[in-house]
C-alpha atoms as a PDB file:
ATOM      1  CA  MET A   1     206.794 -26.104  70.593  1.00  0.00           C
ATOM      2  CA  SER A   2     207.503 -22.493  70.359  1.00  0.00           C
ATOM      3  CA  LEU A   3     205.340 -19.869  72.045  1.00  0.00           C
ATOM      4  CA  LYS A   4     203.998 -17.152  69.738  1.00  0.00           C
ATOM      5  CA  ILE A   5     204.123 -13.713  71.245  1.00  0.00           C
ATOM      6  CA  PRO A   6     201.309 -11.337  70.135  1.00  0.00           C
ATOM      7  CA  THR A   7     202.574  -8.700  67.816  1.00  0.00           C
ATOM      8  CA  LYS A   8     202.127  -4.962  68.331  1.00  0.00           C
ATOM      9  CA  ALA A   9     199.635  -4.887  65.504  1.00  0.00           C
ATOM     10  CA  TYR A  10     197.372  -7.266  67.417  1.00  0.00           C
ATOM     11  CA  LEU A  11     197.315  -4.953  70.389  1.00  0.00           C
ATOM     12  CA  THR A  12     196.356  -1.827  68.424  1.00  0.00           C
ATOM     13  CA  THR A  13     192.622  -1.696  69.403  1.00  0.00           C
ATOM     14  CA  PRO A  14     190.862   1.617  68.591  1.00  0.00           C
ATOM     15  CA  ASN A  15     190.915   4.116  71.428  1.00  0.00           C
ATOM     16  CA  PRO A  16     187.432   4.468  73.073  1.00  0.00           C
ATOM     17  CA  ARG A  17     187.565   8.241  72.494  1.00  0.00           C
ATOM     18  CA  HIS A  18     188.179   7.637  68.823  1.00  0.00           C
ATOM     19  CA  ARG A  19     185.221   5.244  68.693  1.00  0.00           C
ATOM     20  CA  LEU A  20     183.004   7.851  70.406  1.00  0.00           C
ATOM     21  CA  GLY A  21     184.112  10.600  68.011  1.00  0.00           C
ATOM     22  CA  SER A  22     183.382   8.402  65.024  1.00  0.00           C
ATOM     23  CA  SER A  23     179.958   7.499  66.389  1.00  0.00           C
ATOM     24  CA  LEU A  24     179.074  11.151  66.993  1.00  0.00           C
ATOM     25  CA  THR A  25     180.201  12.104  63.517  1.00  0.00           C
ATOM     26  CA  TYR A  26     178.074   9.347  62.014  1.00  0.00           C
ATOM     27  CA  LEU A  27     175.105  10.309  64.178  1.00  0.00           C
ATOM     28  CA  ILE A  28     175.348  13.950  63.120  1.00  0.00           C
ATOM     29  CA  TYR A  29     175.581  12.825  59.522  1.00  0.00           C
ATOM     30  CA  ARG A  30     172.449  10.702  59.887  1.00  0.00           C
ATOM     31  CA  ILE A  31     170.565  13.523  61.631  1.00  0.00           C
ATOM     32  CA  ASN A  32     171.440  15.919  58.836  1.00  0.00           C
ATOM     33  CA  SER A  33     170.334  13.329  56.308  1.00  0.00           C
ATOM     34  CA  LEU A  34     167.023  12.892  58.138  1.00  0.00           C
ATOM     35  CA  HIS A  35     166.523  16.661  58.190  1.00  0.00           C
ATOM     36  CA  ARG A  36     167.027  16.772  54.449  1.00  0.00           C
ATOM     37  CA  GLU A  37     164.591  13.900  53.965  1.00  0.00           C
ATOM     38  CA  ILE A  38     162.005  15.565  56.230  1.00  0.00           C
ATOM     39  CA  ARG A  39     162.323  18.836  54.308  1.00  0.00           C
ATOM     40  CA  GLY A  40     161.837  16.940  51.084  1.00  0.00           C
ATOM     41  CA  LEU A  41     158.780  15.138  52.432  1.00  0.00           C
ATOM     42  CA  THR A  42     157.337  18.413  53.737  1.00  0.00           C
ATOM     43  CA  ALA A  43     157.670  19.972  50.293  1.00  0.00           C
ATOM     44  CA  ILE A  44     155.959  16.953  48.748  1.00  0.00           C
ATOM     45  CA  ILE A  45     153.126  17.098  51.301  1.00  0.00           C
ATOM     46  CA  LEU A  46     152.565  20.820  50.670  1.00  0.00           C
ATOM     47  CA  LYS A  47     152.529  20.197  46.939  1.00  0.00           C
ATOM     48  CA  LEU A  48     150.008  17.368  47.391  1.00  0.00           C
ATOM     49  CA  ARG A  49     147.849  19.630  49.563  1.00  0.00           C
ATOM     50  CA  GLU A  50     147.836  22.285  46.835  1.00  0.00           C
ATOM     51  CA  GLU A  51     146.868  19.706  44.229  1.00  0.00           C
ATOM     52  CA  VAL A  52     144.098  18.289  46.442  1.00  0.00           C
ATOM     53  CA  GLN A  53     142.770  21.803  47.151  1.00  0.00           C
ATOM     54  CA  SER A  54     142.863  22.642  43.465  1.00  0.00           C
ATOM     55  CA  PHE A  55     140.963  19.463  42.683  1.00  0.00           C
ATOM     56  CA  GLN A  56     138.399  20.203  45.393  1.00  0.00           C
ATOM     57  CA  ASN A  57     137.864  23.724  44.043  1.00  0.00           C
ATOM     58  CA  GLN A  58     137.341  22.419  40.532  1.00  0.00           C
ATOM     59  CA  PHE A  59     135.043  19.716  41.857  1.00  0.00           C
ATOM     60  CA  THR A  60     132.993  22.214  43.860  1.00  0.00           C
ATOM     61  CA  ILE A  61     132.642  24.612  40.942  1.00  0.00           C
ATOM     62  CA  ARG A  62     132.078  22.147  38.170  1.00  0.00           C
ATOM     63  CA  LYS A  63     130.346  19.129  39.694  1.00  0.00           C
ATOM     64  CA  ARG A  64     126.747  20.302  40.143  1.00  0.00           C
ATOM     65  CA  ARG A  65     123.617  18.249  40.174  1.00  0.00           C
ATOM     66  CA  ARG A  66     121.804  18.527  36.872  1.00  0.00           C
ATOM     67  CA  LEU A  67     118.350  19.288  38.190  1.00  0.00           C
ATOM     68  CA  GLN A  68     115.428  20.214  36.012  1.00  0.00           C
ATOM     69  CA  GLY A  69     116.054  23.939  36.367  1.00  0.00           C
ATOM     70  CA  PHE A  70     119.705  24.649  35.666  1.00  0.00           C
ATOM     71  CA  TYR A  71     121.487  26.999  33.391  1.00  0.00           C
ATOM     72  CA  SER A  72     125.032  27.511  32.291  1.00  0.00           C
ATOM     73  CA  VAL A  73     127.022  30.428  33.618  1.00  0.00           C
ATOM     74  CA  THR A  74     130.584  31.438  33.083  1.00  0.00           C
ATOM     75  CA  ALA A  75     132.826  32.966  35.715  1.00  0.00           C
ATOM     76  CA  SER A  76     135.972  34.816  34.764  1.00  0.00           C
ATOM     77  CA  SER A  77     138.287  36.348  37.335  1.00  0.00           C
ATOM     78  CA  GLY A  78     139.770  38.705  34.784  1.00  0.00           C
ATOM     79  CA  ASP A  79     143.271  37.397  35.597  1.00  0.00           C
ATOM     80  CA  GLU A  80     143.036  34.249  33.518  1.00  0.00           C
ATOM     81  CA  ASP A  81     142.747  33.814  29.784  1.00  0.00           C
ATOM     82  CA  ASP A  82     140.467  30.818  30.081  1.00  0.00           C
ATOM     83  CA  ASP A  83     136.896  31.041  31.348  1.00  0.00           C
ATOM     84  CA  ILE A  84     135.628  28.577  33.898  1.00  0.00           C
ATOM     85  CA  TYR A  85     132.308  27.134  32.879  1.00  0.00           C
ATOM     86  CA  GLN A  86     129.885  26.039  35.553  1.00  0.00           C
ATOM     87  CA  ASP A  87     126.599  24.176  35.535  1.00  0.00           C
ATOM     88  CA  ALA A  88     124.780  25.823  38.427  1.00  0.00           C
ATOM     89  CA  TYR A  89     121.318  25.322  39.764  1.00  0.00           C
ATOM     90  CA  GLY A  90     119.526  28.646  39.939  1.00  0.00           C
ATOM     91  CA  GLY A  91     118.497  28.173  43.556  1.00  0.00           C
ATOM     92  CA  SER A  92     122.076  27.736  44.779  1.00  0.00           C
ATOM     93  CA  ASP A  93     122.782  28.855  48.322  1.00  0.00           C
ATOM     94  CA  LEU A  94     124.936  31.730  49.543  1.00  0.00           C
ATOM     95  CA  GLU A  95     127.969  29.486  50.048  1.00  0.00           C
ATOM     96  CA  SER A  96     127.898  28.548  46.378  1.00  0.00           C
ATOM     97  CA  LEU A  97     127.762  32.206  45.449  1.00  0.00           C
ATOM     98  CA  LYS A  98     130.686  32.993  47.738  1.00  0.00           C
ATOM     99  CA  GLU A  99     132.862  30.776  45.541  1.00  0.00           C
ATOM    100  CA  LEU A 100     132.404  33.420  42.853  1.00  0.00           C
ATOM    101  CA  THR A 101     133.044  36.476  45.053  1.00  0.00           C
ATOM    102  CA  GLY A 102     135.011  39.059  43.124  1.00  0.00           C
ATOM    103  CA  GLU A 103     134.326  37.365  39.810  1.00  0.00           C
ATOM    104  CA  TYR A 104     131.977  38.311  36.983  1.00  0.00           C
ATOM    105  CA  VAL A 105     129.109  35.890  36.565  1.00  0.00           C
ATOM    106  CA  HIS A 106     126.886  35.915  33.527  1.00  0.00           C
ATOM    107  CA  LEU A 107     124.542  33.726  31.547  1.00  0.00           C
ATOM    108  CA  THR A 108     125.969  32.157  28.431  1.00  0.00           C
ATOM    109  CA  GLU A 109     124.251  31.935  25.094  1.00  0.00           C
ATOM    110  CA  ASN A 110     123.715  28.178  25.523  1.00  0.00           C
ATOM    111  CA  SER A 111     121.254  28.575  28.384  1.00  0.00           C
ATOM    112  CA  THR A 112     119.316  25.340  28.835  1.00  0.00           C
ATOM    113  CA  ILE A 113     116.171  26.921  30.267  1.00  0.00           C
ATOM    114  CA  ASP A 114     113.978  29.877  29.421  1.00  0.00           C
ATOM    115  CA  SER A 115     115.077  33.357  30.389  1.00  0.00           C
ATOM    116  CA  ASP A 116     112.172  33.767  32.841  1.00  0.00           C
ATOM    117  CA  LYS A 117     113.549  30.963  34.994  1.00  0.00           C
ATOM    118  CA  ALA A 118     117.114  32.264  34.692  1.00  0.00           C
ATOM    119  CA  ALA A 119     116.016  35.764  35.676  1.00  0.00           C
ATOM    120  CA  GLU A 120     114.038  34.446  38.639  1.00  0.00           C
ATOM    121  CA  ASP A 121     117.069  32.493  39.865  1.00  0.00           C
ATOM    122  CA  ILE A 122     119.363  35.498  39.536  1.00  0.00           C
ATOM    123  CA  PHE A 123     116.876  37.790  41.275  1.00  0.00           C
ATOM    124  CA  ASN A 124     116.563  35.327  44.161  1.00  0.00           C
ATOM    125  CA  GLN A 125     120.332  35.174  44.467  1.00  0.00           C
ATOM    126  CA  THR A 126     120.717  38.942  44.466  1.00  0.00           C
ATOM    127  CA  GLU A 127     118.060  39.345  47.166  1.00  0.00           C
ATOM    128  CA  THR A 128     120.030  36.931  49.354  1.00  0.00           C
ATOM    129  CA  LEU A 129     123.224  38.852  48.654  1.00  0.00           C
ATOM    130  CA  PHE A 130     121.561  42.181  49.490  1.00  0.00           C
ATOM    131  CA  GLU A 131     121.119  40.911  53.048  1.00  0.00           C
ATOM    132  CA  GLY A 132     124.774  39.939  53.369  1.00  0.00           C
ATOM    133  CA  THR A 133     128.098  41.703  53.821  1.00  0.00           C
ATOM    134  CA  GLY A 134     129.562  44.508  51.766  1.00  0.00           C
ATOM    135  CA  ASP A 135     131.275  41.934  49.542  1.00  0.00           C
ATOM    136  CA  ASN A 136     127.924  40.205  49.025  1.00  0.00           C
ATOM    137  CA  LYS A 137     126.285  43.489  47.995  1.00  0.00           C
ATOM    138  CA  ASN A 138     129.145  44.148  45.594  1.00  0.00           C
ATOM    139  CA  LEU A 139     128.648  40.695  44.086  1.00  0.00           C
ATOM    140  CA  ALA A 140     124.911  41.358  43.705  1.00  0.00           C
ATOM    141  CA  TYR A 141     125.725  44.498  41.713  1.00  0.00           C
ATOM    142  CA  GLU A 142     128.218  42.601  39.520  1.00  0.00           C
ATOM    143  CA  LEU A 143     125.777  39.726  39.009  1.00  0.00           C
ATOM    144  CA  LEU A 144     123.036  42.026  37.739  1.00  0.00           C
ATOM    145  CA  THR A 145     125.386  44.173  35.660  1.00  0.00           C
ATOM    146  CA  ALA A 146     126.959  41.147  33.968  1.00  0.00           C
ATOM    147  CA  ASN A 147     123.529  39.730  33.107  1.00  0.00           C
ATOM    148  CA  LYS A 148     122.033  43.005  31.868  1.00  0.00           C
ATOM    149  CA  SER A 149     122.034  42.053  28.186  1.00  0.00           C
ATOM    150  CA  LYS A 150     120.264  38.757  28.939  1.00  0.00           C
ATOM    151  CA  ILE A 151     117.527  39.716  31.420  1.00  0.00           C
ATOM    152  CA  SER A 152     117.123  43.504  31.276  1.00  0.00           C
ATOM    153  CA  GLU A 153     113.725  43.123  29.593  1.00  0.00           C
ATOM    154  CA  LYS A 154     112.322  41.553  32.776  1.00  0.00           C
ATOM    155  CA  GLU A 155     110.046  43.775  34.831  1.00  0.00           C
ATOM    156  CA  ASP A 156     112.021  43.456  38.059  1.00  0.00           C
ATOM    157  CA  PHE A 157     115.473  44.053  36.583  1.00  0.00           C
ATOM    158  CA  TYR A 158     115.973  47.823  36.516  1.00  0.00           C
ATOM    159  CA  TRP A 159     114.602  48.651  39.964  1.00  0.00           C
ATOM    160  CA  ARG A 160     116.726  45.832  41.394  1.00  0.00           C
ATOM    161  CA  LEU A 161     119.820  47.144  39.595  1.00  0.00           C
ATOM    162  CA  ALA A 162     118.988  50.578  41.035  1.00  0.00           C
ATOM    163  CA  LYS A 163     118.850  49.000  44.498  1.00  0.00           C
ATOM    164  CA  ALA A 164     122.184  47.243  43.958  1.00  0.00           C
ATOM    165  CA  ALA A 165     123.893  50.468  42.864  1.00  0.00           C
ATOM    166  CA  TYR A 166     122.343  52.394  45.751  1.00  0.00           C
ATOM    167  CA  LEU A 167     123.510  49.845  48.366  1.00  0.00           C
ATOM    168  CA  LEU A 168     126.987  49.748  46.872  1.00  0.00           C
ATOM    169  CA  ALA A 169     127.087  53.568  46.929  1.00  0.00           C
ATOM    170  CA  GLN A 170     126.494  53.512  50.694  1.00  0.00           C
ATOM    171  CA  ILE A 171     129.436  51.148  51.116  1.00  0.00           C
ATOM    172  CA  LYS A 172     131.722  53.310  48.978  1.00  0.00           C
ATOM    173  CA  GLY A 173     130.699  56.359  50.976  1.00  0.00           C
ATOM    174  CA  ASP A 174     131.453  54.563  54.225  1.00  0.00           C
ATOM    175  CA  GLN A 175     134.876  53.716  52.821  1.00  0.00           C
ATOM    176  CA  GLY A 176     135.540  57.383  52.064  1.00  0.00           C
ATOM    177  CA  ASN A 177     135.224  57.088  48.278  1.00  0.00           C
ATOM    178  CA  ALA A 178     132.915  60.078  47.781  1.00  0.00           C
ATOM    179  CA  GLU A 179     133.361  60.282  44.014  1.00  0.00           C
ATOM    180  CA  ARG A 180     132.446  56.643  43.429  1.00  0.00           C
ATOM    181  CA  LYS A 181     129.478  57.021  45.773  1.00  0.00           C
ATOM    182  CA  LYS A 182     128.172  59.940  43.722  1.00  0.00           C
ATOM    183  CA  GLU A 183     128.616  58.014  40.451  1.00  0.00           C
ATOM    184  CA  LEU A 184     126.711  55.032  41.803  1.00  0.00           C
ATOM    185  CA  LEU A 185     123.873  57.164  43.182  1.00  0.00           C
ATOM    186  CA  TYR A 186     123.320  58.864  39.831  1.00  0.00           C
ATOM    187  CA  GLU A 187     123.539  55.458  38.139  1.00  0.00           C
ATOM    188  CA  ALA A 188     120.951  54.119  40.595  1.00  0.00           C
ATOM    189  CA  ALA A 189     118.617  57.041  39.890  1.00  0.00           C
ATOM    190  CA  GLY A 190     118.962  56.448  36.154  1.00  0.00           C
ATOM    191  CA  ASN A 191     118.086  52.767  36.478  1.00  0.00           C
ATOM    192  CA  ALA A 192     115.116  53.565  38.708  1.00  0.00           C
ATOM    193  CA  SER A 193     113.888  56.094  36.169  1.00  0.00           C
ATOM    194  CA  THR A 194     114.123  53.457  33.437  1.00  0.00           C
ATOM    195  CA  SER A 195     112.179  50.994  35.580  1.00  0.00           C
ATOM    196  CA  LEU A 196     109.481  53.593  36.223  1.00  0.00           C
ATOM    197  CA  SER A 197     109.134  54.510  32.559  1.00  0.00           C
ATOM    198  CA  LEU A 198     108.710  50.840  31.617  1.00  0.00           C
ATOM    199  CA  TYR A 199     106.627  49.524  34.522  1.00  0.00           C
ATOM    200  CA  ASP A 200     104.535  52.265  36.095  1.00  0.00           C
ATOM    201  CA  SER A 201     102.313  49.760  37.921  1.00  0.00           C
ATOM    202  CA  ASN A 202     105.199  48.088  39.749  1.00  0.00           C
ATOM    203  CA  PRO A 203     105.392  49.377  43.362  1.00  0.00           C
ATOM    204  CA  ASN A 204     109.150  48.769  43.492  1.00  0.00           C
ATOM    205  CA  SER A 205     109.668  51.036  40.490  1.00  0.00           C
ATOM    206  CA  HIS A 206     108.038  53.905  42.419  1.00  0.00           C
ATOM    207  CA  LYS A 207     109.760  52.952  45.656  1.00  0.00           C
ATOM    208  CA  TRP A 208     113.301  52.925  44.253  1.00  0.00           C
ATOM    209  CA  TYR A 209     112.694  56.003  42.142  1.00  0.00           C
ATOM    210  CA  ALA A 210     111.752  57.852  45.335  1.00  0.00           C
ATOM    211  CA  ILE A 211     114.738  56.455  47.262  1.00  0.00           C
ATOM    212  CA  THR A 212     117.330  57.185  44.610  1.00  0.00           C
ATOM    213  CA  LEU A 213     115.929  60.613  43.799  1.00  0.00           C
ATOM    214  CA  GLY A 214     116.114  61.520  47.486  1.00  0.00           C
ATOM    215  CA  SER A 215     119.679  60.230  47.721  1.00  0.00           C
ATOM    216  CA  LEU A 216     120.848  62.932  45.286  1.00  0.00           C
ATOM    217  CA  SER A 217     119.917  65.779  47.657  1.00  0.00           C
ATOM    218  CA  ASP A 218     123.527  66.313  48.778  1.00  0.00           C
ATOM    219  CA  TYR A 219     124.423  67.290  45.214  1.00  0.00           C
ATOM    220  CA  LEU A 220     121.482  69.618  44.528  1.00  0.00           C
ATOM    221  CA  SER A 221     120.588  73.213  45.256  1.00  0.00           C
ATOM    222  CA  THR A 222     117.815  74.067  47.707  1.00  0.00           C
ATOM    223  CA  GLN A 223     115.480  74.866  44.812  1.00  0.00           C
ATOM    224  CA  GLU A 224     116.179  71.519  43.133  1.00  0.00           C
ATOM    225  CA  LYS A 225     115.698  69.633  46.409  1.00  0.00           C
ATOM    226  CA  ILE A 226     112.300  71.237  46.990  1.00  0.00           C
ATOM    227  CA  LYS A 227     111.267  70.492  43.419  1.00  0.00           C
ATOM    228  CA  ASN A 228     112.302  66.855  43.816  1.00  0.00           C
ATOM    229  CA  GLY A 229     110.504  66.718  47.146  1.00  0.00           C
ATOM    230  CA  PHE A 230     107.120  66.858  45.432  1.00  0.00           C
ATOM    231  CA  GLN A 231     108.088  63.975  43.128  1.00  0.00           C
ATOM    232  CA  ILE A 232     109.423  61.926  45.997  1.00  0.00           C
ATOM    233  CA  LYS A 233     106.178  62.261  47.959  1.00  0.00           C
ATOM    234  CA  GLU A 234     104.121  61.397  44.883  1.00  0.00           C
ATOM    235  CA  HIS A 235     106.048  58.174  44.190  1.00  0.00           C
ATOM    236  CA  ILE A 236     106.164  57.103  47.839  1.00  0.00           C
ATOM    237  CA  GLN A 237     102.402  57.429  48.044  1.00  0.00           C
ATOM    238  CA  ARG A 238     101.998  55.536  44.775  1.00  0.00           C
ATOM    239  CA  ALA A 239     104.212  52.727  46.123  1.00  0.00           C
ATOM    240  CA  ILE A 240     102.050  52.540  49.272  1.00  0.00           C
ATOM    241  CA  ASP A 241      98.862  52.439  47.198  1.00  0.00           C
ATOM    242  CA  LEU A 242     100.261  49.554  45.150  1.00  0.00           C
ATOM    243  CA  ASN A 243     101.819  47.705  48.101  1.00  0.00           C
ATOM    244  CA  PRO A 244     100.509  48.914  51.482  1.00  0.00           C
ATOM    245  CA  THR A 245     102.145  46.073  53.452  1.00  0.00           C
ATOM    246  CA  ASP A 246     105.736  47.009  52.553  1.00  0.00           C
ATOM    247  CA  PRO A 247     107.190  48.583  55.737  1.00  0.00           C
ATOM    248  CA  SER A 248     109.905  50.447  53.836  1.00  0.00           C
ATOM    249  CA  ASN A 249     107.272  52.447  51.935  1.00  0.00           C
ATOM    250  CA  HIS A 250     105.809  53.730  55.209  1.00  0.00           C
ATOM    251  CA  TYR A 251     109.297  54.421  56.529  1.00  0.00           C
ATOM    252  CA  MET A 252     110.037  56.540  53.464  1.00  0.00           C
ATOM    253  CA  LEU A 253     106.805  58.473  53.895  1.00  0.00           C
ATOM    254  CA  GLY A 254     107.794  59.079  57.511  1.00  0.00           C
ATOM    255  CA  ARG A 255     111.202  60.356  56.426  1.00  0.00           C
ATOM    256  CA  TRP A 256     109.593  62.675  53.893  1.00  0.00           C
ATOM    257  CA  CYS A 257     107.175  64.078  56.471  1.00  0.00           C
ATOM    258  CA  TYR A 258     109.954  64.469  59.026  1.00  0.00           C
ATOM    259  CA  SER A 259     112.215  66.268  56.528  1.00  0.00           C
ATOM    260  CA  VAL A 260     109.459  68.660  55.497  1.00  0.00           C
ATOM    261  CA  TYR A 261     108.585  69.353  59.137  1.00  0.00           C
ATOM    262  CA  MET A 262     112.277  70.086  59.849  1.00  0.00           C
ATOM    263  CA  LEU A 263     112.768  72.460  56.887  1.00  0.00           C
ATOM    264  CA  SER A 264     114.753  75.533  57.801  1.00  0.00           C
ATOM    265  CA  TRP A 265     113.252  79.020  57.597  1.00  0.00           C
ATOM    266  CA  ILE A 266     115.172  79.816  54.393  1.00  0.00           C
ATOM    267  CA  GLU A 267     114.043  76.577  52.763  1.00  0.00           C
ATOM    268  CA  ARG A 268     110.422  77.343  53.596  1.00  0.00           C
ATOM    269  CA  LYS A 269     110.787  80.804  52.080  1.00  0.00           C
ATOM    270  CA  VAL A 270     112.250  79.361  48.890  1.00  0.00           C
ATOM    271  CA  ALA A 271     109.430  76.812  48.705  1.00  0.00           C
ATOM    272  CA  ALA A 272     106.822  79.540  49.160  1.00  0.00           C
ATOM    273  CA  THR A 273     108.277  81.552  46.272  1.00  0.00           C
ATOM    274  CA  LEU A 274     108.327  78.519  43.970  1.00  0.00           C
ATOM    275  CA  TYR A 275     104.964  76.981  44.727  1.00  0.00           C
ATOM    276  CA  ALA A 276     101.569  78.316  45.657  1.00  0.00           C
ATOM    277  CA  SER A 277     101.194  75.355  47.995  1.00  0.00           C
ATOM    278  CA  PRO A 278     104.653  74.378  49.312  1.00  0.00           C
ATOM    279  CA  PRO A 279     105.091  70.896  50.821  1.00  0.00           C
ATOM    280  CA  SER A 280     103.768  70.558  54.348  1.00  0.00           C
ATOM    281  CA  ALA A 281     103.646  67.838  57.012  1.00  0.00           C
ATOM    282  CA  THR A 282     103.346  67.546  60.767  1.00  0.00           C
ATOM    283  CA  ILE A 283     105.522  65.623  63.179  1.00  0.00           C
ATOM    284  CA  ASN A 284     102.534  63.398  63.950  1.00  0.00           C
ATOM    285  CA  ASP A 285     102.296  62.521  60.258  1.00  0.00           C
ATOM    286  CA  ALA A 286     105.905  61.366  60.425  1.00  0.00           C
ATOM    287  CA  LEU A 287     105.427  59.468  63.697  1.00  0.00           C
ATOM    288  CA  ASN A 288     102.378  57.596  62.440  1.00  0.00           C
ATOM    289  CA  SER A 289     104.259  56.449  59.338  1.00  0.00           C
ATOM    290  CA  PHE A 290     107.248  55.260  61.377  1.00  0.00           C
ATOM    291  CA  LEU A 291     104.997  53.388  63.796  1.00  0.00           C
ATOM    292  CA  GLU A 292     103.208  51.713  60.883  1.00  0.00           C
ATOM    293  CA  ALA A 293     106.577  50.640  59.446  1.00  0.00           C
ATOM    294  CA  ASP A 294     107.574  49.208  62.828  1.00  0.00           C
ATOM    295  CA  LYS A 295     104.304  47.260  63.026  1.00  0.00           C
ATOM    296  CA  LEU A 296     104.716  45.788  59.528  1.00  0.00           C
ATOM    297  CA  LYS A 297     108.422  44.958  59.826  1.00  0.00           C
ATOM    298  CA  ASP A 298     108.999  41.377  61.003  1.00  0.00           C
ATOM    299  CA  THR A 299     112.472  42.203  62.389  1.00  0.00           C
ATOM    300  CA  LYS A 300     113.806  45.052  64.497  1.00  0.00           C
ATOM    301  CA  TRP A 301     114.784  48.111  62.456  1.00  0.00           C
ATOM    302  CA  LYS A 302     117.344  50.338  64.135  1.00  0.00           C
ATOM    303  CA  GLU A 303     116.999  53.397  61.896  1.00  0.00           C
ATOM    304  CA  ASN A 304     113.203  53.385  62.007  1.00  0.00           C
ATOM    305  CA  MET A 305     113.280  53.159  65.805  1.00  0.00           C
ATOM    306  CA  LEU A 306     115.685  56.104  65.911  1.00  0.00           C
ATOM    307  CA  PHE A 307     113.228  58.264  63.957  1.00  0.00           C
ATOM    308  CA  ILE A 308     110.358  57.241  66.204  1.00  0.00           C
ATOM    309  CA  ALA A 309     112.458  58.486  69.131  1.00  0.00           C
ATOM    310  CA  LYS A 310     113.272  61.724  67.268  1.00  0.00           C
ATOM    311  CA  CYS A 311     109.569  62.345  66.654  1.00  0.00           C
ATOM    312  CA  TYR A 312     108.856  61.937  70.352  1.00  0.00           C
ATOM    313  CA  ILE A 313     111.675  64.382  71.101  1.00  0.00           C
ATOM    314  CA  GLU A 314     110.012  66.945  68.830  1.00  0.00           C
ATOM    315  CA  LEU A 315     106.754  66.283  70.681  1.00  0.00           C
ATOM    316  CA  ARG A 316     108.650  66.736  73.977  1.00  0.00           C
ATOM    317  CA  ASN A 317     107.629  63.269  75.100  1.00  0.00           C
ATOM    318  CA  TYR A 318     111.086  62.439  76.438  1.00  0.00           C
ATOM    319  CA  GLU A 319     110.090  59.263  78.287  1.00  0.00           C
ATOM    320  CA  LYS A 320     108.816  57.669  75.093  1.00  0.00           C
ATOM    321  CA  ALA A 321     111.871  58.973  73.268  1.00  0.00           C
ATOM    322  CA  LYS A 322     114.197  57.256  75.786  1.00  0.00           C
ATOM    323  CA  GLU A 323     112.178  54.059  75.508  1.00  0.00           C
ATOM    324  CA  TRP A 324     112.653  53.918  71.736  1.00  0.00           C
ATOM    325  CA  LEU A 325     116.308  54.953  71.923  1.00  0.00           C
ATOM    326  CA  ASN A 326     116.973  52.042  74.268  1.00  0.00           C
ATOM    327  CA  LYS A 327     115.111  49.664  71.942  1.00  0.00           C
ATOM    328  CA  ALA A 328     117.087  50.914  68.960  1.00  0.00           C
ATOM    329  CA  SER A 329     120.410  50.719  70.758  1.00  0.00           C
ATOM    330  CA  ILE A 330     120.273  46.949  71.262  1.00  0.00           C
ATOM    331  CA  VAL A 331     119.509  46.160  67.609  1.00  0.00           C
ATOM    332  CA  PRO A 332     122.697  44.740  65.982  1.00  0.00           C
ATOM    333  CA  ILE A 333     124.567  46.887  63.459  1.00  0.00           C
ATOM    334  CA  LYS A 334     124.411  45.248  60.017  1.00  0.00           C
ATOM    335  CA  ASP A 335     125.307  47.968  57.521  1.00  0.00           C
ATOM    336  CA  PRO A 336     126.593  51.569  57.175  1.00  0.00           C
ATOM    337  CA  SER A 337     123.095  52.982  57.783  1.00  0.00           C
ATOM    338  CA  ASP A 338     122.900  51.144  61.100  1.00  0.00           C
ATOM    339  CA  LYS A 339     126.371  52.384  61.981  1.00  0.00           C
ATOM    340  CA  GLU A 340     125.366  56.006  61.362  1.00  0.00           C
ATOM    341  CA  ALA A 341     122.116  55.495  63.254  1.00  0.00           C
ATOM    342  CA  GLN A 342     123.942  54.107  66.282  1.00  0.00           C
ATOM    343  CA  ILE A 343     126.194  57.186  66.458  1.00  0.00           C
ATOM    344  CA  GLU A 344     123.103  59.418  66.603  1.00  0.00           C
ATOM    345  CA  ILE A 345     121.390  57.093  69.088  1.00  0.00           C
ATOM    346  CA  ASP A 346     124.370  57.291  71.449  1.00  0.00           C
ATOM    347  CA  ALA A 347     124.455  61.088  71.178  1.00  0.00           C
ATOM    348  CA  LEU A 348     120.722  61.402  71.916  1.00  0.00           C
ATOM    349  CA  LYS A 349     120.930  59.003  74.850  1.00  0.00           C
ATOM    350  CA  LEU A 350     123.654  61.176  76.391  1.00  0.00           C
ATOM    351  CA  LYS A 351     121.514  64.271  75.895  1.00  0.00           C
ATOM    352  CA  TYR A 352     118.160  62.913  77.051  1.00  0.00           C
ATOM    353  CA  GLY A 353     119.333  60.260  79.489  1.00  0.00           C
END
């Protein structure tokens, strides 16, 4: 029996270092493969998220409850060829309206309810938007402008469009766009004039005619301002007669009285040459109007409080002035008018303690 000696080939086991190098190479290969797979899965997940979000947006816009009072509107961003049609309940909340921010919303010809209901729904929406941010006020203006051909015959349309243009003008002015502010103010005055000519018994027609006419004073001569002053007072008083519980009417009367009381010497001379009885008012007239506005207003009104303080300053009642300045200072700033008022409040507090 012969003994078999192992051959050299039998003894050639792989070197441990070689095995380790091969394992590392394979591991690196697998890791790189996993990275590629993960990147691929991430791309798929992102794509799915986009599709889900797109579906949710379409669902939110299009799937509305068909309640008894609904009407069809169309919203076009201006960037797409196709319009998006929406069945929307007129009493939709602010969140629903925010979906359409920056878009033009208007009634379609196939409205399923009468125009009175549609107009009421739109007016309710715009009033909610008026109380919101600058973007909300801009949307209110667009909403009314886009629907002008459908609901402009309604009594409350033109004064509300005047209000929308006026509020938007304040925003443009705060943004430094003086030219656009001027355009909007003249547009607002024109709409208010139309409202007044059509609905003389509507207190808001008189109210917004007075407001918008007064807002043009920066662009008028002293003679024109004094001439307009008589009209402003007339329409403020008419608004109060028609709606004595509206605090803004009393505030406007206070502003008119305060402005007349504060007329410069040259302005009084011009008024005397133009009119046998130039406009006149006392600081107490102004104060009483501001106090009445404060009593009727169900929320704190920073600008009105500021003018109450300014009246007390003119009366040299500095303790009462400080009291009202402190009250006004803690009222939150909600719009450009509040922002301007706060600047003056801070300056007066420094001066009068």
